[in-house]
């Protein structure tokens, strides 16, 4: 049970971290605007679709990449979306670092990430 207690402590620490608080604040701004939320969701959906194609071994065309890049440039004109994406990256990095620390402690092989 001790491990679960520590996991709950870690979860609480993440929730009160500046990285999560900033991410949550940025997310709440997006959620408050239907237009921003739809724009972000459309971008993430397209990004996810292309990522899945790559994972299945399919080539992504130059046109598809340019379309995604164009969409990215458009959504970045929205300051709330730009802030959200920045905070998402920042929080994701924290989360990734925590995962790496835990993985190294239990000698989980993460060599494939290099």
C-alpha atoms as a PDB file:
ATOM      1  CA  UNK A   1       0.000   0.000   0.000  1.00  0.00           C
ATOM      2  CA  UNK A   2       2.967   2.280   0.583  1.00  0.00           C
ATOM      3  CA  UNK A   3       3.627   2.627  -3.164  1.00  0.00           C
ATOM      4  CA  UNK A   4       0.030   3.688  -3.794  1.00  0.00           C
ATOM      5  CA  UNK A   5       0.242   6.251  -1.017  1.00  0.00           C
ATOM      6  CA  UNK A   6       3.349   7.727  -2.638  1.00  0.00           C
ATOM      7  CA  UNK A   7       1.657   7.705  -6.030  1.00  0.00           C
ATOM      8  CA  UNK A   8      -1.214   9.713  -4.562  1.00  0.00           C
ATOM      9  CA  UNK A   9       1.298  12.118  -3.005  1.00  0.00           C
ATOM     10  CA  UNK A  10       2.972  12.519  -6.385  1.00  0.00           C
ATOM     11  CA  UNK A  11      -0.386  13.171  -8.042  1.00  0.00           C
ATOM     12  CA  UNK A  12      -1.147  15.867  -5.463  1.00  0.00           C
ATOM     13  CA  UNK A  13       2.297  17.414  -5.971  1.00  0.00           C
ATOM     14  CA  UNK A  14       1.743  17.520  -9.730  1.00  0.00           C
ATOM     15  CA  UNK A  15      -1.630  19.223  -9.304  1.00  0.00           C
ATOM     16  CA  UNK A  16      -0.129  22.021  -7.202  1.00  0.00           C
ATOM     17  CA  UNK A  17       2.969  22.433  -9.388  1.00  0.00           C
ATOM     18  CA  UNK A  18       3.370  25.765 -11.217  1.00  0.00           C
ATOM     19  CA  UNK A  19       3.577  23.866 -14.510  1.00  0.00           C
ATOM     20  CA  UNK A  20       0.205  22.212 -14.002  1.00  0.00           C
ATOM     21  CA  UNK A  21      -1.445  25.349 -12.644  1.00  0.00           C
ATOM     22  CA  UNK A  22      -0.339  27.344 -15.697  1.00  0.00           C
ATOM     23  CA  UNK A  23      -1.439  24.540 -18.020  1.00  0.00           C
ATOM     24  CA  UNK A  24      -4.829  24.279 -16.320  1.00  0.00           C
ATOM     25  CA  UNK A  25      -5.358  28.031 -16.479  1.00  0.00           C
ATOM     26  CA  UNK A  26      -4.532  28.056 -20.195  1.00  0.00           C
ATOM     27  CA  UNK A  27      -6.825  25.049 -20.759  1.00  0.00           C
ATOM     28  CA  UNK A  28      -9.685  26.763 -18.949  1.00  0.00           C
ATOM     29  CA  UNK A  29      -9.321  29.781 -21.272  1.00  0.00           C
ATOM     30  CA  UNK A  30      -9.549  27.503 -24.290  1.00  0.00           C
ATOM     31  CA  UNK A  31     -12.541  25.663 -22.862  1.00  0.00           C
ATOM     32  CA  UNK A  32     -14.322  28.981 -22.278  1.00  0.00           C
ATOM     33  CA  UNK A  33     -14.164  29.860 -25.982  1.00  0.00           C
ATOM     34  CA  UNK A  34     -16.042  27.616 -28.375  1.00  0.00           C
ATOM     35  CA  UNK A  35     -14.107  29.019 -31.327  1.00  0.00           C
ATOM     36  CA  UNK A  36     -10.682  28.488 -29.728  1.00  0.00           C
ATOM     37  CA  UNK A  37     -11.644  25.019 -28.570  1.00  0.00           C
ATOM     38  CA  UNK A  38     -12.827  24.002 -32.047  1.00  0.00           C
ATOM     39  CA  UNK A  39      -9.706  25.422 -33.702  1.00  0.00           C
ATOM     40  CA  UNK A  40      -7.431  23.575 -31.297  1.00  0.00           C
ATOM     41  CA  UNK A  41      -9.392  20.340 -31.583  1.00  0.00           C
ATOM     42  CA  UNK A  42      -9.282  20.496 -35.392  1.00  0.00           C
ATOM     43  CA  UNK A  43      -5.517  20.978 -35.304  1.00  0.00           C
ATOM     44  CA  UNK A  44      -4.935  18.190 -32.780  1.00  0.00           C
ATOM     45  CA  UNK A  45      -7.204  15.837 -34.736  1.00  0.00           C
ATOM     46  CA  UNK A  46      -5.274  16.470 -37.960  1.00  0.00           C
ATOM     47  CA  UNK A  47      -1.961  16.104 -36.114  1.00  0.00           C
ATOM     48  CA  UNK A  48      -3.149  12.815 -34.585  1.00  0.00           C
ATOM     49  CA  UNK A  49      -4.306  11.484 -37.955  1.00  0.00           C
ATOM     50  CA  UNK A  50      -0.941  12.176 -39.567  1.00  0.00           C
ATOM     51  CA  UNK A  51       0.905  10.670 -36.615  1.00  0.00           C
ATOM     52  CA  UNK A  52      -1.185   7.513 -36.891  1.00  0.00           C
ATOM     53  CA  UNK A  53      -0.418   7.249 -40.596  1.00  0.00           C
ATOM     54  CA  UNK A  54       3.291   7.479 -39.804  1.00  0.00           C
ATOM     55  CA  UNK A  55       2.959   4.828 -37.089  1.00  0.00           C
ATOM     56  CA  UNK A  56       1.329   2.511 -39.616  1.00  0.00           C
ATOM     57  CA  UNK A  57       4.319   2.968 -41.906  1.00  0.00           C
ATOM     58  CA  UNK A  58       2.598   5.203 -44.427  1.00  0.00           C
ATOM     59  CA  UNK A  59       4.396   8.166 -45.912  1.00  0.00           C
ATOM     60  CA  UNK A  60       3.063  11.626 -45.223  1.00  0.00           C
ATOM     61  CA  UNK A  61       2.884  13.728 -48.363  1.00  0.00           C
ATOM     62  CA  UNK A  62       4.441  17.156 -48.602  1.00  0.00           C
ATOM     63  CA  UNK A  63       0.947  18.550 -49.144  1.00  0.00           C
ATOM     64  CA  UNK A  64      -0.307  16.989 -45.897  1.00  0.00           C
ATOM     65  CA  UNK A  65       2.668  18.405 -43.994  1.00  0.00           C
ATOM     66  CA  UNK A  66       2.168  21.850 -45.502  1.00  0.00           C
ATOM     67  CA  UNK A  67      -1.517  21.705 -44.645  1.00  0.00           C
ATOM     68  CA  UNK A  68      -0.719  20.875 -41.021  1.00  0.00           C
ATOM     69  CA  UNK A  69       1.959  23.580 -40.891  1.00  0.00           C
ATOM     70  CA  UNK A  70      -0.487  26.118 -42.338  1.00  0.00           C
ATOM     71  CA  UNK A  71      -3.097  25.149 -39.777  1.00  0.00           C
ATOM     72  CA  UNK A  72      -0.491  25.509 -37.030  1.00  0.00           C
ATOM     73  CA  UNK A  73       0.426  28.999 -38.211  1.00  0.00           C
ATOM     74  CA  UNK A  74      -3.236  30.012 -38.203  1.00  0.00           C
ATOM     75  CA  UNK A  75      -4.006  28.721 -34.714  1.00  0.00           C
ATOM     76  CA  UNK A  76      -0.859  30.317 -33.312  1.00  0.00           C
ATOM     77  CA  UNK A  77      -2.342  33.707 -34.196  1.00  0.00           C
ATOM     78  CA  UNK A  78      -4.788  33.078 -31.373  1.00  0.00           C
ATOM     79  CA  UNK A  79      -2.915  34.134 -28.204  1.00  0.00           C
ATOM     80  CA  UNK A  80      -4.939  31.786 -25.976  1.00  0.00           C
ATOM     81  CA  UNK A  81      -4.108  28.785 -28.152  1.00  0.00           C
ATOM     82  CA  UNK A  82      -0.457  29.794 -28.388  1.00  0.00           C
ATOM     83  CA  UNK A  83      -0.313  30.056 -24.592  1.00  0.00           C
ATOM     84  CA  UNK A  84      -2.091  26.726 -24.167  1.00  0.00           C
ATOM     85  CA  UNK A  85       0.313  24.895 -26.481  1.00  0.00           C
ATOM     86  CA  UNK A  86       3.286  26.440 -24.717  1.00  0.00           C
ATOM     87  CA  UNK A  87       1.976  25.421 -21.290  1.00  0.00           C
ATOM     88  CA  UNK A  88       1.078  21.960 -22.571  1.00  0.00           C
ATOM     89  CA  UNK A  89       4.674  21.437 -23.690  1.00  0.00           C
ATOM     90  CA  UNK A  90       5.996  22.714 -20.371  1.00  0.00           C
ATOM     91  CA  UNK A  91       3.748  20.409 -18.321  1.00  0.00           C
ATOM     92  CA  UNK A  92       4.402  17.461 -20.634  1.00  0.00           C
ATOM     93  CA  UNK A  93       8.125  17.916 -20.089  1.00  0.00           C
ATOM     94  CA  UNK A  94       7.637  17.804 -16.309  1.00  0.00           C
ATOM     95  CA  UNK A  95       5.484  14.700 -16.630  1.00  0.00           C
ATOM     96  CA  UNK A  96       8.028  13.068 -18.927  1.00  0.00           C
ATOM     97  CA  UNK A  97      10.849  13.842 -16.501  1.00  0.00           C
ATOM     98  CA  UNK A  98       8.912  12.264 -13.634  1.00  0.00           C
ATOM     99  CA  UNK A  99       8.233   9.167 -15.739  1.00  0.00           C
ATOM    100  CA  UNK A 100      11.911   8.925 -16.645  1.00  0.00           C
ATOM    101  CA  UNK A 101      12.959   9.157 -12.974  1.00  0.00           C
ATOM    102  CA  UNK A 102      10.567   6.353 -12.038  1.00  0.00           C
ATOM    103  CA  UNK A 103      11.545   4.240 -15.037  1.00  0.00           C
ATOM    104  CA  UNK A 104      15.238   4.558 -14.222  1.00  0.00           C
ATOM    105  CA  UNK A 105      14.623   3.650 -10.576  1.00  0.00           C
ATOM    106  CA  UNK A 106      13.034   0.347 -11.572  1.00  0.00           C
ATOM    107  CA  UNK A 107      15.566  -0.192 -14.352  1.00  0.00           C
ATOM    108  CA  UNK A 108      12.985   0.024 -17.107  1.00  0.00           C
ATOM    109  CA  UNK A 109      14.782   0.026 -20.455  1.00  0.00           C
ATOM    110  CA  UNK A 110      14.125   3.343 -22.214  1.00  0.00           C
ATOM    111  CA  UNK A 111      16.988   3.075 -24.698  1.00  0.00           C
ATOM    112  CA  UNK A 112      14.524   3.155 -27.578  1.00  0.00           C
ATOM    113  CA  UNK A 113      13.816   6.823 -26.746  1.00  0.00           C
ATOM    114  CA  UNK A 114      17.368   7.880 -27.565  1.00  0.00           C
END
